[in-house]
PDB file of N, CA and C in Angstrom:
ATOM      1  N   MET A   1     -42.814   0.804   5.053  1.00  0.00           N
ATOM      2  CA  MET A   1     -43.839  -0.107   5.545  1.00  0.00           C
ATOM      3  C   MET A   1     -45.220   0.367   5.070  1.00  0.00           C
ATOM      4  N   LEU A   2     -46.033  -0.595   4.801  1.00  0.00           N
ATOM      5  CA  LEU A   2     -47.399  -0.309   4.384  1.00  0.00           C
ATOM      6  C   LEU A   2     -48.336  -0.457   5.577  1.00  0.00           C
ATOM      7  N   THR A   3     -49.368   0.332   5.592  1.00  0.00           N
ATOM      8  CA  THR A   3     -50.365   0.196   6.642  1.00  0.00           C
ATOM      9  C   THR A   3     -51.280  -0.985   6.299  1.00  0.00           C
ATOM     10  N   LEU A   4     -52.040  -1.403   7.266  1.00  0.00           N
ATOM     11  CA  LEU A   4     -52.971  -2.513   7.054  1.00  0.00           C
ATOM     12  C   LEU A   4     -53.973  -2.169   5.957  1.00  0.00           C
ATOM     13  N   LYS A   5     -54.450  -0.935   5.957  1.00  0.00           N
ATOM     14  CA  LYS A   5     -55.408  -0.506   4.947  1.00  0.00           C
ATOM     15  C   LYS A   5     -54.802  -0.581   3.546  1.00  0.00           C
ATOM     16  N   GLU A   6     -53.546  -0.181   3.408  1.00  0.00           N
ATOM     17  CA  GLU A   6     -52.863  -0.236   2.118  1.00  0.00           C
ATOM     18  C   GLU A   6     -52.665  -1.672   1.657  1.00  0.00           C
ATOM     19  N   LYS A   7     -52.319  -2.547   2.579  1.00  0.00           N
ATOM     20  CA  LYS A   7     -52.130  -3.963   2.243  1.00  0.00           C
ATOM     21  C   LYS A   7     -53.441  -4.586   1.768  1.00  0.00           C
ATOM     22  N   LEU A   8     -54.517  -4.277   2.463  1.00  0.00           N
ATOM     23  CA  LEU A   8     -55.820  -4.806   2.067  1.00  0.00           C
ATOM     24  C   LEU A   8     -56.212  -4.308   0.683  1.00  0.00           C
ATOM     25  N   TYR A   9     -55.921  -3.045   0.417  1.00  0.00           N
ATOM     26  CA  TYR A   9     -56.239  -2.470  -0.887  1.00  0.00           C
ATOM     27  C   TYR A   9     -55.429  -3.140  -1.994  1.00  0.00           C
ATOM     28  N   LEU A  10     -54.138  -3.346  -1.768  1.00  0.00           N
ATOM     29  CA  LEU A  10     -53.299  -4.015  -2.766  1.00  0.00           C
ATOM     30  C   LEU A  10     -53.775  -5.441  -3.027  1.00  0.00           C
ATOM     31  N   LEU A  11     -54.134  -6.135  -1.967  1.00  0.00           N
ATOM     32  CA  LEU A  11     -54.640  -7.495  -2.117  1.00  0.00           C
ATOM     33  C   LEU A  11     -55.930  -7.495  -2.935  1.00  0.00           C
ATOM     34  N   GLN A  12     -56.784  -6.542  -2.686  1.00  0.00           N
ATOM     35  CA  GLN A  12     -58.025  -6.423  -3.444  1.00  0.00           C
ATOM     36  C   GLN A  12     -57.729  -6.185  -4.928  1.00  0.00           C
ATOM     37  N   LEU A  13     -56.761  -5.329  -5.219  1.00  0.00           N
ATOM     38  CA  LEU A  13     -56.388  -5.058  -6.612  1.00  0.00           C
ATOM     39  C   LEU A  13     -55.818  -6.303  -7.289  1.00  0.00           C
ATOM     40  N   LEU A  14     -54.986  -7.035  -6.576  1.00  0.00           N
ATOM     41  CA  LEU A  14     -54.406  -8.251  -7.152  1.00  0.00           C
ATOM     42  C   LEU A  14     -55.483  -9.281  -7.472  1.00  0.00           C
ATOM     43  N   LYS A  15     -56.427  -9.442  -6.576  1.00  0.00           N
ATOM     44  CA  LYS A  15     -57.503 -10.409  -6.809  1.00  0.00           C
ATOM     45  C   LYS A  15     -58.396  -9.964  -7.961  1.00  0.00           C
ATOM     46  N   LYS A  16     -58.625  -8.665  -8.057  1.00  0.00           N
ATOM     47  CA  LYS A  16     -59.430  -8.131  -9.153  1.00  0.00           C
ATOM     48  C   LYS A  16     -58.738  -8.383 -10.491  1.00  0.00           C
ATOM     49  N   GLU A  17     -57.434  -8.181 -10.530  1.00  0.00           N
ATOM     50  CA  GLU A  17     -56.661  -8.414 -11.747  1.00  0.00           C
ATOM     51  C   GLU A  17     -56.712  -9.888 -12.146  1.00  0.00           C
ATOM     52  N   LYS A  18     -56.652 -10.754 -11.166  1.00  0.00           N
ATOM     53  CA  LYS A  18     -56.700 -12.191 -11.463  1.00  0.00           C
ATOM     54  C   LYS A  18     -58.053 -12.569 -12.074  1.00  0.00           C
ATOM     55  N   ARG A  19     -59.124 -11.984 -11.554  1.00  0.00           N
ATOM     56  CA  ARG A  19     -60.460 -12.253 -12.118  1.00  0.00           C
ATOM     57  C   ARG A  19     -60.549 -11.767 -13.557  1.00  0.00           C
ATOM     58  N   LYS A  20     -59.971 -10.612 -13.832  1.00  0.00           N
ATOM     59  CA  LYS A  20     -59.985 -10.083 -15.204  1.00  0.00           C
ATOM     60  C   LYS A  20     -59.254 -11.029 -16.144  1.00  0.00           C
ATOM     61  N   ARG A  21     -58.106 -11.499 -15.715  1.00  0.00           N
ATOM     62  CA  ARG A  21     -57.302 -12.379 -16.558  1.00  0.00           C
ATOM     63  C   ARG A  21     -57.980 -13.734 -16.746  1.00  0.00           C
ATOM     64  N   PHE A  22     -58.714 -14.179 -15.747  1.00  0.00           N
ATOM     65  CA  PHE A  22     -59.396 -15.466 -15.848  1.00  0.00           C
ATOM     66  C   PHE A  22     -60.381 -15.444 -17.006  1.00  0.00           C
ATOM     67  N   TRP A  23     -61.143 -14.373 -17.121  1.00  0.00           N
ATOM     68  CA  TRP A  23     -62.156 -14.297 -18.173  1.00  0.00           C
ATOM     69  C   TRP A  23     -61.555 -14.051 -19.540  1.00  0.00           C
ATOM     70  N   SER A  24     -60.351 -13.538 -19.587  1.00  0.00           N
ATOM     71  CA  SER A  24     -59.707 -13.349 -20.890  1.00  0.00           C
ATOM     72  C   SER A  24     -58.776 -14.528 -21.208  1.00  0.00           C
ATOM     73  N   PHE A  25     -58.701 -15.489 -20.293  1.00  0.00           N
ATOM     74  CA  PHE A  25     -57.912 -16.711 -20.456  1.00  0.00           C
ATOM     75  C   PHE A  25     -56.419 -16.440 -20.611  1.00  0.00           C
ATOM     76  N   LYS A  26     -55.963 -15.375 -19.998  1.00  0.00           N
ATOM     77  CA  LYS A  26     -54.526 -15.101 -19.954  1.00  0.00           C
ATOM     78  C   LYS A  26     -53.982 -15.634 -18.645  1.00  0.00           C
ATOM     79  N   LYS A  27     -52.826 -16.200 -18.708  1.00  0.00           N
ATOM     80  CA  LYS A  27     -52.215 -16.761 -17.515  1.00  0.00           C
ATOM     81  C   LYS A  27     -51.520 -15.645 -16.727  1.00  0.00           C
ATOM     82  N   THR A  28     -51.706 -15.660 -15.402  1.00  0.00           N
ATOM     83  CA  THR A  28     -51.039 -14.669 -14.565  1.00  0.00           C
ATOM     84  C   THR A  28     -49.604 -15.113 -14.302  1.00  0.00           C
ATOM     85  N   ASP A  29     -48.763 -14.149 -14.035  1.00  0.00           N
ATOM     86  CA  ASP A  29     -47.368 -14.451 -13.707  1.00  0.00           C
ATOM     87  C   ASP A  29     -47.293 -15.179 -12.371  1.00  0.00           C
ATOM     88  N   PRO A  30     -46.284 -16.036 -12.180  1.00  0.00           N
ATOM     89  CA  PRO A  30     -46.105 -16.670 -10.874  1.00  0.00           C
ATOM     90  C   PRO A  30     -45.874 -15.637  -9.768  1.00  0.00           C
ATOM     91  N   VAL A  31     -45.304 -14.512 -10.143  1.00  0.00           N
ATOM     92  CA  VAL A  31     -45.058 -13.447  -9.166  1.00  0.00           C
ATOM     93  C   VAL A  31     -46.382 -12.930  -8.598  1.00  0.00           C
ATOM     94  N   HIS A  32     -47.409 -12.926  -9.420  1.00  0.00           N
ATOM     95  CA  HIS A  32     -48.733 -12.468  -8.982  1.00  0.00           C
ATOM     96  C   HIS A  32     -49.224 -13.331  -7.825  1.00  0.00           C
ATOM     97  N   GLN A  33     -49.105 -14.631  -7.966  1.00  0.00           N
ATOM     98  CA  GLN A  33     -49.536 -15.545  -6.904  1.00  0.00           C
ATOM     99  C   GLN A  33     -48.669 -15.379  -5.654  1.00  0.00           C
ATOM    100  N   GLN A  34     -47.372 -15.226  -5.838  1.00  0.00           N
ATOM    101  CA  GLN A  34     -46.464 -15.046  -4.699  1.00  0.00           C
ATOM    102  C   GLN A  34     -46.786 -13.761  -3.941  1.00  0.00           C
ATOM    103  N   LEU A  35     -47.032 -12.686  -4.673  1.00  0.00           N
ATOM    104  CA  LEU A  35     -47.388 -11.419  -4.024  1.00  0.00           C
ATOM    105  C   LEU A  35     -48.700 -11.539  -3.256  1.00  0.00           C
ATOM    106  N   THR A  36     -49.651 -12.203  -3.846  1.00  0.00           N
ATOM    107  CA  THR A  36     -50.936 -12.393  -3.181  1.00  0.00           C
ATOM    108  C   THR A  36     -50.759 -13.165  -1.881  1.00  0.00           C
ATOM    109  N   GLU A  37     -49.999 -14.247  -1.921  1.00  0.00           N
ATOM    110  CA  GLU A  37     -49.766 -15.055  -0.723  1.00  0.00           C
ATOM    111  C   GLU A  37     -49.024 -14.265   0.354  1.00  0.00           C
ATOM    112  N   LYS A  38     -48.012 -13.510  -0.053  1.00  0.00           N
ATOM    113  CA  LYS A  38     -47.246 -12.712   0.917  1.00  0.00           C
ATOM    114  C   LYS A  38     -48.111 -11.635   1.556  1.00  0.00           C
ATOM    115  N   LEU A  39     -48.918 -10.974   0.758  1.00  0.00           N
ATOM    116  CA  LEU A  39     -49.803  -9.948   1.308  1.00  0.00           C
ATOM    117  C   LEU A  39     -50.813 -10.554   2.276  1.00  0.00           C
ATOM    118  N   GLU A  40     -51.375 -11.703   1.921  1.00  0.00           N
ATOM    119  CA  GLU A  40     -52.326 -12.371   2.822  1.00  0.00           C
ATOM    120  C   GLU A  40     -51.647 -12.726   4.141  1.00  0.00           C
ATOM    121  N   GLN A  41     -50.416 -13.211   4.073  1.00  0.00           N
ATOM    122  CA  GLN A  41     -49.668 -13.573   5.278  1.00  0.00           C
ATOM    123  C   GLN A  41     -49.369 -12.331   6.123  1.00  0.00           C
ATOM    124  N   MET A  42     -48.956 -11.254   5.469  1.00  0.00           N
ATOM    125  CA  MET A  42     -48.657 -10.014   6.196  1.00  0.00           C
ATOM    126  C   MET A  42     -49.904  -9.471   6.890  1.00  0.00           C
ATOM    127  N   ILE A  43     -51.041  -9.548   6.216  1.00  0.00           N
ATOM    128  CA  ILE A  43     -52.293  -9.067   6.800  1.00  0.00           C
ATOM    129  C   ILE A  43     -52.684  -9.919   7.999  1.00  0.00           C
ATOM    130  N   ARG A  44     -52.589 -11.240   7.844  1.00  0.00           N
ATOM    131  CA  ARG A  44     -52.907 -12.133   8.970  1.00  0.00           C
ATOM    132  C   ARG A  44     -52.009 -11.854  10.163  1.00  0.00           C
ATOM    133  N   ASN A  45     -50.705 -11.707   9.919  1.00  0.00           N
ATOM    134  CA  ASN A  45     -49.759 -11.442  11.004  1.00  0.00           C
ATOM    135  C   ASN A  45     -50.087 -10.133  11.724  1.00  0.00           C
ATOM    136  N   GLU A  46     -50.377  -9.107  10.939  1.00  0.00           N
ATOM    137  CA  GLU A  46     -50.683  -7.818  11.532  1.00  0.00           C
ATOM    138  C   GLU A  46     -51.961  -7.864  12.366  1.00  0.00           C
ATOM    139  N   GLN A  47     -52.967  -8.578  11.877  1.00  0.00           N
ATOM    140  CA  GLN A  47     -54.221  -8.686  12.612  1.00  0.00           C
ATOM    141  C   GLN A  47     -54.037  -9.466  13.912  1.00  0.00           C
ATOM    142  N   VAL A  48     -53.228 -10.526  13.878  1.00  0.00           N
ATOM    143  CA  VAL A  48     -52.950 -11.304  15.081  1.00  0.00           C
ATOM    144  C   VAL A  48     -52.157 -10.467  16.081  1.00  0.00           C
ATOM    145  N   ASN A  49     -51.174  -9.734  15.596  1.00  0.00           N
ATOM    146  CA  ASN A  49     -50.369  -8.911  16.480  1.00  0.00           C
ATOM    147  C   ASN A  49     -51.201  -7.815  17.140  1.00  0.00           C
ATOM    148  N   LYS A  50     -52.122  -7.216  16.391  1.00  0.00           N
ATOM    149  CA  LYS A  50     -52.977  -6.187  16.963  1.00  0.00           C
ATOM    150  C   LYS A  50     -53.884  -6.772  18.060  1.00  0.00           C
ATOM    151  N   ALA A  51     -54.343  -7.990  17.833  1.00  0.00           N
ATOM    152  CA  ALA A  51     -55.233  -8.632  18.808  1.00  0.00           C
ATOM    153  C   ALA A  51     -54.502  -8.923  20.119  1.00  0.00           C
ATOM    154  N   HIS A  52     -53.198  -9.155  20.048  1.00  0.00           N
ATOM    155  CA  HIS A  52     -52.435  -9.490  21.250  1.00  0.00           C
ATOM    156  C   HIS A  52     -51.898  -8.269  21.979  1.00  0.00           C
ATOM    157  N   LEU A  53     -52.015  -7.109  21.381  1.00  0.00           N
ATOM    158  CA  LEU A  53     -51.496  -5.895  22.044  1.00  0.00           C
ATOM    159  C   LEU A  53     -52.488  -5.272  22.954  1.00  0.00           C
TER     160      LEU A  53
END
């Protein structure tokens, strides 16, 4: 399991990579988008769960 801090860091890296590819006009893999969405969902879930505890 990853900690919330690790998840946020990975999400930041994925978004940074997407920005780099945008300016070089290279298409990102579909897996990149899926990972980004999953990480965002995991972070939201963890933040909601912490708020309810």
